[in-house]
N, C-alpha and C. Protein backbone atom coordinates (compact mmCIF):
# COMPACT_ATOMS: atom_id res chain seq x y z
N ASN A 1 0.83 -1.21 0.00
CA ASN A 1 0.00 0.00 0.00
C ASN A 1 0.87 1.26 0.00
N LEU A 2 1.95 1.23 0.81
CA LEU A 2 2.88 2.35 0.86
C LEU A 2 3.58 2.53 -0.48
N ILE A 3 3.94 1.41 -1.12
CA ILE A 3 4.60 1.47 -2.43
C ILE A 3 3.65 2.06 -3.46
N TYR A 4 2.37 1.65 -3.41
CA TYR A 4 1.36 2.17 -4.33
C TYR A 4 1.19 3.68 -4.14
N SER A 5 1.06 4.12 -2.87
CA SER A 5 0.91 5.55 -2.57
C SER A 5 2.09 6.35 -3.07
N SER A 6 3.28 5.81 -2.86
CA SER A 6 4.50 6.48 -3.32
C SER A 6 4.51 6.61 -4.83
N ALA A 7 4.11 5.55 -5.53
CA ALA A 7 4.09 5.57 -7.00
C ALA A 7 3.09 6.60 -7.51
N VAL A 8 1.93 6.67 -6.88
CA VAL A 8 0.92 7.66 -7.28
C VAL A 8 1.45 9.07 -7.10
N LEU A 9 2.05 9.33 -5.94
CA LEU A 9 2.57 10.67 -5.65
C LEU A 9 3.70 11.05 -6.61
N GLU A 10 4.54 10.07 -6.95
CA GLU A 10 5.65 10.35 -7.85
C GLU A 10 5.17 10.68 -9.27
N SER A 11 3.97 10.24 -9.62
CA SER A 11 3.47 10.47 -10.98
C SER A 11 2.68 11.77 -11.10
N THR A 12 2.52 12.51 -10.03
CA THR A 12 1.76 13.76 -10.08
C THR A 12 2.70 14.93 -10.30
N ASP A 13 2.09 16.12 -10.49
CA ASP A 13 2.90 17.33 -10.63
C ASP A 13 3.04 18.05 -9.29
N VAL A 14 2.71 17.36 -8.22
CA VAL A 14 2.86 17.90 -6.88
C VAL A 14 4.19 17.41 -6.32
N ALA A 15 5.06 18.35 -5.96
CA ALA A 15 6.38 17.98 -5.46
C ALA A 15 6.30 17.59 -3.99
N LEU A 16 7.08 16.60 -3.63
CA LEU A 16 7.19 16.16 -2.25
C LEU A 16 8.65 16.29 -1.83
N ILE A 17 8.85 17.05 -0.77
CA ILE A 17 10.20 17.27 -0.25
C ILE A 17 10.14 17.07 1.26
N SER A 18 11.13 16.43 1.82
CA SER A 18 11.22 16.40 3.28
C SER A 18 12.57 16.96 3.69
N GLU A 19 12.56 17.60 4.85
CA GLU A 19 13.76 18.24 5.40
C GLU A 19 13.89 17.85 6.86
N ASP A 20 15.13 17.85 7.36
CA ASP A 20 15.32 17.64 8.80
C ASP A 20 15.10 18.96 9.53
N LEU A 21 15.32 18.97 10.83
CA LEU A 21 15.05 20.18 11.62
C LEU A 21 16.06 21.29 11.38
N ASN A 22 17.13 20.99 10.63
CA ASN A 22 18.11 22.02 10.26
C ASN A 22 17.89 22.51 8.83
N ASN A 23 16.71 22.19 8.28
CA ASN A 23 16.34 22.58 6.91
C ASN A 23 17.23 21.95 5.85
N ILE A 24 17.78 20.77 6.14
CA ILE A 24 18.57 20.02 5.16
C ILE A 24 17.62 19.06 4.44
N ILE A 25 17.67 19.08 3.12
CA ILE A 25 16.79 18.24 2.33
C ILE A 25 17.18 16.77 2.47
N ILE A 26 16.18 15.93 2.82
CA ILE A 26 16.47 14.50 2.98
C ILE A 26 15.72 13.64 1.97
N SER A 27 14.71 14.21 1.30
CA SER A 27 14.09 13.48 0.19
C SER A 27 13.57 14.48 -0.83
N TRP A 28 13.49 14.02 -2.08
CA TRP A 28 13.22 14.92 -3.21
C TRP A 28 12.52 14.11 -4.30
N SER A 29 11.27 14.42 -4.60
CA SER A 29 10.50 13.62 -5.56
C SER A 29 10.81 14.02 -7.01
N ASN A 30 10.35 13.18 -7.94
CA ASN A 30 10.51 13.49 -9.36
C ASN A 30 9.86 14.82 -9.71
N ALA A 31 8.67 15.09 -9.14
CA ALA A 31 7.98 16.34 -9.43
C ALA A 31 8.78 17.54 -8.90
N ALA A 32 9.51 17.35 -7.80
CA ALA A 32 10.36 18.43 -7.28
C ALA A 32 11.45 18.75 -8.30
N GLU A 33 11.99 17.70 -8.93
CA GLU A 33 12.99 17.91 -9.98
C GLU A 33 12.37 18.67 -11.15
N ASN A 34 11.15 18.32 -11.53
CA ASN A 34 10.47 19.01 -12.64
C ASN A 34 10.21 20.47 -12.32
N ILE A 35 9.81 20.75 -11.09
CA ILE A 35 9.47 22.13 -10.71
C ILE A 35 10.73 22.98 -10.54
N PHE A 36 11.72 22.43 -9.83
CA PHE A 36 12.89 23.25 -9.47
C PHE A 36 14.11 23.05 -10.37
N GLY A 37 14.15 21.96 -11.12
CA GLY A 37 15.27 21.74 -12.04
C GLY A 37 16.46 21.01 -11.44
N PHE A 38 16.48 20.80 -10.14
CA PHE A 38 17.58 20.08 -9.49
C PHE A 38 17.23 18.59 -9.43
N THR A 39 18.20 17.75 -9.72
CA THR A 39 17.98 16.31 -9.59
C THR A 39 17.99 15.95 -8.10
N GLU A 40 17.54 14.74 -7.80
CA GLU A 40 17.55 14.26 -6.42
C GLU A 40 18.98 14.27 -5.87
N GLU A 41 19.92 13.85 -6.70
CA GLU A 41 21.33 13.82 -6.27
C GLU A 41 21.85 15.21 -5.94
N GLU A 42 21.41 16.21 -6.70
CA GLU A 42 21.85 17.59 -6.45
C GLU A 42 21.19 18.19 -5.22
N ALA A 43 19.98 17.74 -4.91
CA ALA A 43 19.20 18.38 -3.85
C ALA A 43 19.40 17.76 -2.47
N VAL A 44 19.38 16.44 -2.40
CA VAL A 44 19.47 15.78 -1.09
C VAL A 44 20.82 16.12 -0.44
N GLY A 45 20.72 16.51 0.82
CA GLY A 45 21.92 16.91 1.57
C GLY A 45 22.18 18.40 1.54
N GLN A 46 21.46 19.12 0.68
CA GLN A 46 21.62 20.58 0.59
C GLN A 46 20.66 21.29 1.55
N GLY A 47 21.02 22.50 1.91
CA GLY A 47 20.14 23.31 2.75
C GLY A 47 19.00 23.88 1.91
N CYS A 48 17.99 24.39 2.61
CA CYS A 48 16.82 24.92 1.92
C CYS A 48 17.16 26.13 1.05
N SER A 49 18.33 26.74 1.29
CA SER A 49 18.72 27.90 0.47
C SER A 49 18.93 27.51 -0.99
N LEU A 50 18.94 26.20 -1.27
CA LEU A 50 19.03 25.74 -2.65
C LEU A 50 17.85 26.28 -3.46
N ILE A 51 16.67 26.33 -2.84
CA ILE A 51 15.47 26.78 -3.56
C ILE A 51 14.80 28.01 -2.93
N VAL A 52 15.28 28.42 -1.76
CA VAL A 52 14.70 29.59 -1.08
C VAL A 52 15.58 30.80 -1.34
N PRO A 53 15.05 31.84 -1.99
CA PRO A 53 15.85 33.05 -2.21
C PRO A 53 16.32 33.62 -0.87
N GLU A 54 17.50 34.23 -0.90
CA GLU A 54 18.12 34.73 0.33
C GLU A 54 17.20 35.62 1.15
N GLU A 55 16.44 36.48 0.46
CA GLU A 55 15.57 37.41 1.19
C GLU A 55 14.38 36.73 1.87
N PHE A 56 14.16 35.44 1.60
CA PHE A 56 13.05 34.72 2.21
C PHE A 56 13.52 33.65 3.20
N LEU A 57 14.82 33.64 3.54
CA LEU A 57 15.34 32.64 4.46
C LEU A 57 14.76 32.81 5.86
N ASP A 58 14.53 34.05 6.30
CA ASP A 58 13.92 34.27 7.62
C ASP A 58 12.51 33.69 7.65
N GLU A 59 11.78 33.86 6.55
CA GLU A 59 10.43 33.29 6.44
C GLU A 59 10.50 31.77 6.59
N GLU A 60 11.48 31.15 5.95
CA GLU A 60 11.64 29.70 6.03
C GLU A 60 11.98 29.28 7.45
N ASN A 61 12.80 30.08 8.15
CA ASN A 61 13.14 29.77 9.54
C ASN A 61 11.91 29.86 10.44
N ASP A 62 11.04 30.83 10.16
CA ASP A 62 9.79 30.97 10.93
C ASP A 62 8.90 29.75 10.71
N ILE A 63 8.84 29.28 9.45
CA ILE A 63 8.06 28.08 9.15
C ILE A 63 8.64 26.89 9.93
N GLY A 64 9.97 26.78 9.94
CA GLY A 64 10.64 25.69 10.67
C GLY A 64 10.30 25.72 12.15
N ALA A 65 10.26 26.93 12.74
CA ALA A 65 9.93 27.07 14.16
C ALA A 65 8.51 26.60 14.44
N ARG A 66 7.60 26.90 13.53
CA ARG A 66 6.21 26.47 13.69
C ARG A 66 6.09 24.95 13.60
N ILE A 67 6.85 24.36 12.67
CA ILE A 67 6.82 22.90 12.52
C ILE A 67 7.38 22.23 13.77
N LYS A 68 8.44 22.78 14.35
CA LYS A 68 9.02 22.21 15.58
C LYS A 68 8.02 22.19 16.72
N LYS A 69 7.04 23.11 16.68
CA LYS A 69 5.99 23.15 17.71
C LYS A 69 4.85 22.19 17.37
N GLY A 70 4.94 21.52 16.22
CA GLY A 70 3.92 20.56 15.85
C GLY A 70 2.80 21.13 14.99
N GLU A 71 2.96 22.37 14.53
CA GLU A 71 1.93 22.98 13.68
C GLU A 71 1.93 22.38 12.29
N LYS A 72 0.76 22.41 11.67
CA LYS A 72 0.62 22.07 10.25
C LYS A 72 0.33 23.37 9.51
N ILE A 73 0.94 23.53 8.36
CA ILE A 73 0.76 24.75 7.57
C ILE A 73 0.14 24.35 6.24
N ARG A 74 -0.98 24.98 5.91
CA ARG A 74 -1.70 24.60 4.69
C ARG A 74 -1.78 25.76 3.70
N ASN A 75 -1.53 25.44 2.43
CA ASN A 75 -1.70 26.39 1.31
C ASN A 75 -1.02 27.74 1.56
N TYR A 76 0.20 27.68 2.01
CA TYR A 76 1.01 28.88 2.24
C TYR A 76 1.66 29.28 0.91
N GLN A 77 1.41 30.52 0.48
CA GLN A 77 1.99 30.97 -0.79
C GLN A 77 3.37 31.57 -0.56
N ALA A 78 4.29 31.21 -1.44
CA ALA A 78 5.68 31.66 -1.29
C ALA A 78 6.34 31.79 -2.65
N ILE A 79 7.49 32.45 -2.64
CA ILE A 79 8.32 32.58 -3.84
C ILE A 79 9.56 31.72 -3.62
N ARG A 80 9.88 30.91 -4.62
CA ARG A 80 11.08 30.08 -4.55
C ARG A 80 11.87 30.26 -5.84
N LYS A 81 13.05 29.64 -5.91
CA LYS A 81 13.89 29.79 -7.10
C LYS A 81 14.20 28.44 -7.71
N ARG A 82 14.34 28.45 -9.02
CA ARG A 82 14.70 27.26 -9.78
C ARG A 82 16.22 27.19 -9.96
N LYS A 83 16.67 26.09 -10.47
CA LYS A 83 18.10 25.91 -10.74
C LYS A 83 18.60 26.97 -11.72
N ASP A 84 17.75 27.35 -12.69
CA ASP A 84 18.15 28.35 -13.68
C ASP A 84 18.09 29.79 -13.15
N GLY A 85 17.72 29.94 -11.87
CA GLY A 85 17.68 31.26 -11.24
C GLY A 85 16.33 31.95 -11.32
N ASN A 86 15.43 31.43 -12.14
CA ASN A 86 14.11 32.05 -12.24
C ASN A 86 13.31 31.85 -10.96
N ARG A 87 12.52 32.87 -10.63
CA ARG A 87 11.64 32.80 -9.45
C ARG A 87 10.31 32.19 -9.87
N ILE A 88 9.73 31.41 -8.96
CA ILE A 88 8.41 30.83 -9.21
C ILE A 88 7.54 31.04 -7.98
N PHE A 89 6.23 31.06 -8.21
CA PHE A 89 5.26 31.11 -7.12
C PHE A 89 4.83 29.69 -6.81
N ILE A 90 4.76 29.37 -5.52
CA ILE A 90 4.33 28.03 -5.11
C ILE A 90 3.34 28.13 -3.96
N THR A 91 2.62 27.04 -3.75
CA THR A 91 1.88 26.88 -2.49
C THR A 91 2.53 25.73 -1.75
N LEU A 92 2.63 25.90 -0.45
CA LEU A 92 3.23 24.89 0.42
C LEU A 92 2.19 24.36 1.40
N THR A 93 2.16 23.07 1.55
CA THR A 93 1.45 22.46 2.67
C THR A 93 2.52 21.66 3.40
N ILE A 94 2.66 21.93 4.70
CA ILE A 94 3.78 21.36 5.45
C ILE A 94 3.26 20.66 6.70
N PHE A 95 3.76 19.44 6.92
CA PHE A 95 3.41 18.66 8.09
C PHE A 95 4.67 18.29 8.85
N PRO A 96 4.59 18.24 10.18
CA PRO A 96 5.73 17.74 10.94
C PRO A 96 6.01 16.28 10.57
N LEU A 97 7.25 15.94 10.46
CA LEU A 97 7.69 14.57 10.17
C LEU A 97 8.12 13.96 11.51
N ARG A 98 7.50 12.85 11.89
CA ARG A 98 7.76 12.26 13.21
C ARG A 98 8.40 10.88 13.08
N ASN A 99 9.19 10.52 14.07
CA ASN A 99 9.78 9.18 14.08
C ASN A 99 8.82 8.21 14.80
N SER A 100 9.24 6.98 15.00
CA SER A 100 8.38 5.96 15.61
C SER A 100 8.01 6.29 17.05
N ASP A 101 8.79 7.16 17.70
CA ASP A 101 8.48 7.58 19.07
C ASP A 101 7.63 8.85 19.10
N ASN A 102 7.12 9.26 17.92
CA ASN A 102 6.26 10.45 17.78
C ASN A 102 7.02 11.76 18.04
N VAL A 103 8.34 11.71 17.92
CA VAL A 103 9.16 12.91 18.09
C VAL A 103 9.33 13.57 16.73
N ILE A 104 9.16 14.88 16.68
CA ILE A 104 9.31 15.61 15.42
C ILE A 104 10.78 15.63 15.02
N ILE A 105 11.05 15.13 13.80
CA ILE A 105 12.44 15.06 13.32
C ILE A 105 12.65 15.88 12.04
N GLY A 106 11.56 16.47 11.55
CA GLY A 106 11.70 17.25 10.33
C GLY A 106 10.34 17.70 9.81
N ALA A 107 10.31 18.00 8.53
CA ALA A 107 9.08 18.49 7.90
C ALA A 107 8.88 17.80 6.56
N SER A 108 7.64 17.50 6.26
CA SER A 108 7.26 16.95 4.96
C SER A 108 6.51 18.06 4.22
N LYS A 109 6.96 18.38 3.01
CA LYS A 109 6.40 19.51 2.26
C LYS A 109 5.75 19.04 0.97
N ILE A 110 4.53 19.51 0.74
CA ILE A 110 3.82 19.27 -0.50
C ILE A 110 3.80 20.61 -1.24
N ILE A 111 4.35 20.63 -2.44
CA ILE A 111 4.56 21.89 -3.16
C ILE A 111 3.88 21.85 -4.52
N ARG A 112 3.13 22.91 -4.81
CA ARG A 112 2.51 23.07 -6.14
C ARG A 112 3.05 24.36 -6.77
N ASP A 113 3.39 24.27 -8.03
CA ASP A 113 3.83 25.44 -8.79
C ASP A 113 2.59 26.19 -9.27
N ILE A 114 2.42 27.43 -8.82
CA ILE A 114 1.25 28.23 -9.22
C ILE A 114 1.67 29.46 -10.02
N THR A 115 2.84 29.38 -10.64
CA THR A 115 3.37 30.53 -11.39
C THR A 115 2.42 30.96 -12.50
N LEU A 116 1.92 30.00 -13.28
CA LEU A 116 1.00 30.35 -14.38
C LEU A 116 -0.29 30.93 -13.85
N GLN A 117 -0.80 30.36 -12.79
CA GLN A 117 -2.03 30.86 -12.16
C GLN A 117 -1.84 32.31 -11.71
N LYS A 118 -0.69 32.59 -11.07
CA LYS A 118 -0.39 33.96 -10.61
C LYS A 118 -0.30 34.92 -11.79
N ALA A 119 0.35 34.48 -12.87
CA ALA A 119 0.49 35.33 -14.06
C ALA A 119 -0.89 35.65 -14.64
N ASN A 120 -1.78 34.64 -14.67
CA ASN A 120 -3.14 34.87 -15.18
C ASN A 120 -3.91 35.84 -14.29
N GLU A 121 -3.73 35.70 -12.98
CA GLU A 121 -4.40 36.61 -12.04
C GLU A 121 -3.92 38.04 -12.26
N GLU A 122 -2.60 38.21 -12.43
CA GLU A 122 -2.05 39.55 -12.66
C GLU A 122 -2.55 40.13 -13.97
N ARG A 123 -2.63 39.28 -15.00
CA ARG A 123 -3.13 39.73 -16.30
C ARG A 123 -4.59 40.17 -16.19
N GLN A 124 -5.40 39.38 -15.49
CA GLN A 124 -6.80 39.72 -15.29
C GLN A 124 -6.95 41.01 -14.50
N ALA A 125 -6.11 41.18 -13.49
CA ALA A 125 -6.16 42.41 -12.69
C ALA A 125 -5.78 43.61 -13.53
N MET A 126 -4.79 43.43 -14.44
CA MET A 126 -4.37 44.52 -15.32
C MET A 126 -5.51 44.90 -16.27
N PHE A 127 -6.14 43.89 -16.88
CA PHE A 127 -7.26 44.17 -17.79
C PHE A 127 -8.41 44.84 -17.04
N ALA A 128 -8.68 44.39 -15.83
CA ALA A 128 -9.75 44.99 -15.03
C ALA A 128 -9.43 46.45 -14.73
N ALA A 129 -8.15 46.74 -14.44
CA ALA A 129 -7.74 48.12 -14.17
C ALA A 129 -7.88 48.99 -15.41
N ILE A 130 -7.52 48.44 -16.57
CA ILE A 130 -7.66 49.18 -17.83
C ILE A 130 -9.12 49.49 -18.10
N ILE A 131 -9.98 48.48 -17.95
CA ILE A 131 -11.41 48.67 -18.20
C ILE A 131 -11.99 49.69 -17.23
N ASP A 132 -11.60 49.57 -15.96
CA ASP A 132 -12.18 50.46 -14.96
C ASP A 132 -11.71 51.90 -15.12
N SER A 133 -10.50 52.10 -15.66
CA SER A 133 -9.98 53.45 -15.81
C SER A 133 -10.31 54.08 -17.16
N SER A 134 -10.99 53.33 -18.03
CA SER A 134 -11.34 53.85 -19.35
C SER A 134 -12.37 54.97 -19.24
N ASP A 135 -12.26 55.95 -20.15
CA ASP A 135 -13.27 57.01 -20.22
C ASP A 135 -14.54 56.52 -20.91
N ASP A 136 -14.47 55.38 -21.59
CA ASP A 136 -15.62 54.83 -22.29
C ASP A 136 -16.41 53.91 -21.37
N ALA A 137 -17.71 53.89 -21.55
CA ALA A 137 -18.54 52.92 -20.84
C ALA A 137 -18.25 51.55 -21.44
N ILE A 138 -17.85 50.62 -20.61
CA ILE A 138 -17.59 49.26 -21.06
C ILE A 138 -18.52 48.34 -20.28
N ILE A 139 -19.41 47.70 -21.02
CA ILE A 139 -20.45 46.87 -20.43
C ILE A 139 -20.40 45.51 -21.11
N SER A 140 -20.51 44.45 -20.34
CA SER A 140 -20.64 43.13 -20.97
C SER A 140 -21.99 42.55 -20.58
N LYS A 141 -22.51 41.71 -21.48
CA LYS A 141 -23.81 41.09 -21.24
C LYS A 141 -23.77 39.68 -21.80
N ASP A 142 -24.66 38.84 -21.31
CA ASP A 142 -24.74 37.49 -21.86
C ASP A 142 -25.63 37.48 -23.10
N LEU A 143 -25.85 36.32 -23.67
CA LEU A 143 -26.62 36.22 -24.91
C LEU A 143 -28.12 36.44 -24.73
N ASN A 144 -28.53 36.65 -23.48
CA ASN A 144 -29.93 36.99 -23.20
C ASN A 144 -30.08 38.48 -22.89
N GLY A 145 -28.97 39.23 -23.03
CA GLY A 145 -29.01 40.66 -22.77
C GLY A 145 -28.92 41.02 -21.30
N ILE A 146 -28.48 40.08 -20.47
CA ILE A 146 -28.33 40.35 -19.04
C ILE A 146 -26.92 40.86 -18.78
N ILE A 147 -26.83 41.99 -18.10
CA ILE A 147 -25.54 42.65 -17.84
C ILE A 147 -24.70 41.83 -16.87
N THR A 148 -23.44 41.59 -17.24
CA THR A 148 -22.52 40.83 -16.40
C THR A 148 -21.37 41.69 -15.86
N SER A 149 -21.09 42.82 -16.49
CA SER A 149 -20.10 43.75 -15.93
C SER A 149 -20.45 45.18 -16.36
N TRP A 150 -20.00 46.13 -15.56
CA TRP A 150 -20.40 47.52 -15.70
C TRP A 150 -19.28 48.37 -15.11
N ASN A 151 -18.50 49.08 -15.95
CA ASN A 151 -17.36 49.81 -15.40
C ASN A 151 -17.76 51.18 -14.84
N SER A 152 -16.78 51.86 -14.23
CA SER A 152 -17.07 53.14 -13.57
C SER A 152 -17.51 54.21 -14.55
N SER A 153 -17.03 54.16 -15.79
CA SER A 153 -17.49 55.15 -16.78
C SER A 153 -18.95 54.90 -17.16
N ALA A 154 -19.38 53.64 -17.16
CA ALA A 154 -20.79 53.35 -17.39
C ALA A 154 -21.63 53.95 -16.26
N GLU A 155 -21.10 53.87 -15.03
CA GLU A 155 -21.79 54.50 -13.90
C GLU A 155 -21.93 56.01 -14.13
N ARG A 156 -20.82 56.62 -14.56
CA ARG A 156 -20.82 58.07 -14.77
C ARG A 156 -21.75 58.48 -15.91
N ILE A 157 -21.73 57.74 -17.01
CA ILE A 157 -22.52 58.11 -18.19
C ILE A 157 -24.01 57.84 -17.99
N PHE A 158 -24.35 56.66 -17.42
CA PHE A 158 -25.76 56.29 -17.31
C PHE A 158 -26.38 56.60 -15.95
N GLY A 159 -25.54 56.84 -14.94
CA GLY A 159 -26.06 57.20 -13.63
C GLY A 159 -26.43 56.04 -12.73
N TYR A 160 -26.25 54.81 -13.19
CA TYR A 160 -26.54 53.63 -12.38
C TYR A 160 -25.24 53.05 -11.82
N LYS A 161 -25.27 52.64 -10.56
CA LYS A 161 -24.13 51.96 -9.95
C LYS A 161 -24.04 50.52 -10.48
N GLU A 162 -22.84 49.94 -10.41
CA GLU A 162 -22.63 48.57 -10.88
C GLU A 162 -23.61 47.60 -10.23
N GLN A 163 -23.78 47.73 -8.90
CA GLN A 163 -24.66 46.79 -8.20
C GLN A 163 -26.13 46.94 -8.60
N GLU A 164 -26.49 48.09 -9.17
CA GLU A 164 -27.87 48.29 -9.66
C GLU A 164 -28.08 47.63 -11.02
N MET A 165 -27.00 47.40 -11.77
CA MET A 165 -27.14 46.96 -13.15
C MET A 165 -26.74 45.51 -13.42
N VAL A 166 -25.71 45.02 -12.74
CA VAL A 166 -25.28 43.64 -12.98
C VAL A 166 -26.42 42.70 -12.59
N GLY A 167 -26.76 41.81 -13.53
CA GLY A 167 -27.86 40.88 -13.32
C GLY A 167 -29.18 41.37 -13.89
N LYS A 168 -29.19 42.63 -14.36
CA LYS A 168 -30.40 43.22 -14.95
C LYS A 168 -30.28 43.22 -16.48
N SER A 169 -31.40 43.41 -17.13
CA SER A 169 -31.42 43.45 -18.60
C SER A 169 -30.83 44.76 -19.10
N ILE A 170 -30.11 44.67 -20.21
CA ILE A 170 -29.55 45.86 -20.87
C ILE A 170 -30.65 46.81 -21.33
N THR A 171 -31.86 46.28 -21.48
CA THR A 171 -32.98 47.13 -21.95
C THR A 171 -33.29 48.25 -20.96
N ARG A 172 -32.76 48.13 -19.76
CA ARG A 172 -32.97 49.18 -18.75
C ARG A 172 -32.41 50.53 -19.22
N ILE A 173 -31.39 50.50 -20.08
CA ILE A 173 -30.80 51.77 -20.54
C ILE A 173 -31.12 52.06 -22.01
N ILE A 174 -32.01 51.24 -22.59
CA ILE A 174 -32.39 51.46 -24.00
C ILE A 174 -33.74 52.16 -24.05
N PRO A 175 -33.83 53.30 -24.73
CA PRO A 175 -35.12 54.00 -24.86
C PRO A 175 -36.15 53.10 -25.54
N PRO A 176 -37.43 53.20 -25.14
CA PRO A 176 -38.48 52.34 -25.70
C PRO A 176 -38.50 52.29 -27.23
N LEU A 177 -38.21 53.40 -27.86
CA LEU A 177 -38.24 53.47 -29.32
C LEU A 177 -37.23 52.51 -29.96
N TYR A 178 -36.14 52.19 -29.23
CA TYR A 178 -35.05 51.38 -29.79
C TYR A 178 -34.97 49.97 -29.20
N LEU A 179 -35.97 49.56 -28.44
CA LEU A 179 -35.93 48.23 -27.82
C LEU A 179 -35.84 47.11 -28.85
N GLY A 180 -36.46 47.28 -30.01
CA GLY A 180 -36.40 46.26 -31.06
C GLY A 180 -34.99 46.03 -31.57
N ASP A 181 -34.16 47.06 -31.49
CA ASP A 181 -32.76 46.92 -31.95
C ASP A 181 -32.00 45.88 -31.14
N GLU A 182 -32.35 45.75 -29.85
CA GLU A 182 -31.63 44.82 -28.99
C GLU A 182 -31.78 43.38 -29.49
N ASP A 183 -32.95 43.00 -29.95
CA ASP A 183 -33.15 41.65 -30.47
C ASP A 183 -32.27 41.41 -31.70
N ILE A 184 -32.17 42.42 -32.56
CA ILE A 184 -31.33 42.32 -33.76
C ILE A 184 -29.87 42.18 -33.36
N ILE A 185 -29.44 42.99 -32.40
CA ILE A 185 -28.04 42.96 -31.93
C ILE A 185 -27.71 41.59 -31.34
N LEU A 186 -28.58 41.09 -30.46
CA LEU A 186 -28.33 39.79 -29.83
C LEU A 186 -28.30 38.67 -30.87
N SER A 187 -29.18 38.76 -31.86
CA SER A 187 -29.22 37.76 -32.92
C SER A 187 -27.90 37.72 -33.69
N LYS A 188 -27.37 38.90 -34.01
CA LYS A 188 -26.09 38.97 -34.73
C LYS A 188 -24.94 38.45 -33.86
N ILE A 189 -24.96 38.80 -32.58
CA ILE A 189 -23.89 38.35 -31.69
C ILE A 189 -23.91 36.83 -31.57
N ARG A 190 -25.11 36.26 -31.48
CA ARG A 190 -25.22 34.79 -31.39
C ARG A 190 -24.61 34.11 -32.61
N LYS A 191 -24.66 34.79 -33.75
CA LYS A 191 -24.09 34.25 -34.99
C LYS A 191 -22.59 34.52 -35.09
N GLY A 192 -22.04 35.22 -34.08
CA GLY A 192 -20.62 35.53 -34.08
C GLY A 192 -20.26 36.76 -34.87
N GLU A 193 -21.27 37.54 -35.24
CA GLU A 193 -21.00 38.75 -36.02
C GLU A 193 -20.55 39.88 -35.10
N LYS A 194 -19.70 40.75 -35.65
CA LYS A 194 -19.25 41.94 -34.94
C LYS A 194 -20.17 43.10 -35.33
N ILE A 195 -20.51 43.91 -34.34
CA ILE A 195 -21.39 45.06 -34.61
C ILE A 195 -20.60 46.33 -34.35
N ASP A 196 -20.52 47.18 -35.35
CA ASP A 196 -19.77 48.43 -35.21
C ASP A 196 -20.73 49.59 -35.16
């Protein structure tokens, strides 16, 4: 059962690393090699500074102190470094590693690389900032004409706050004389046509 569990863990993209109480690496999974670029032979026996940037060593020491007290740390976000020197964003879940006498002898770390996720979040935040700072009203709606986003310029131009409009029909801002146009617009959008 232990062999099966080990094989499953080795085949995932989740890195498994264990360290002793002096932050010396004592085990290093295949996924750790994929994430950080160091082979098991290069990593085992090295201090945590192998992957922890110098400016974050105090943070790592604080984590070590918490583990020595028996704490478990879940989904802790951190910055680490690869063999090529590039920085990556990771999440750490850390458990105390105990011997047969239940004495804490180190830490077992589960590491996920979230660099792409972080980049996407930053990109989305940048686009949101651009939309929100635009002088133009930028409104999105679904294919039923229900408003899904409403920027600050839309608030300024139409006089409605975002919370008043999101979830409501776009027809709220269309004069009665032009309500028929909305059906034509939605029909064209459903066909993938661009409306200028």
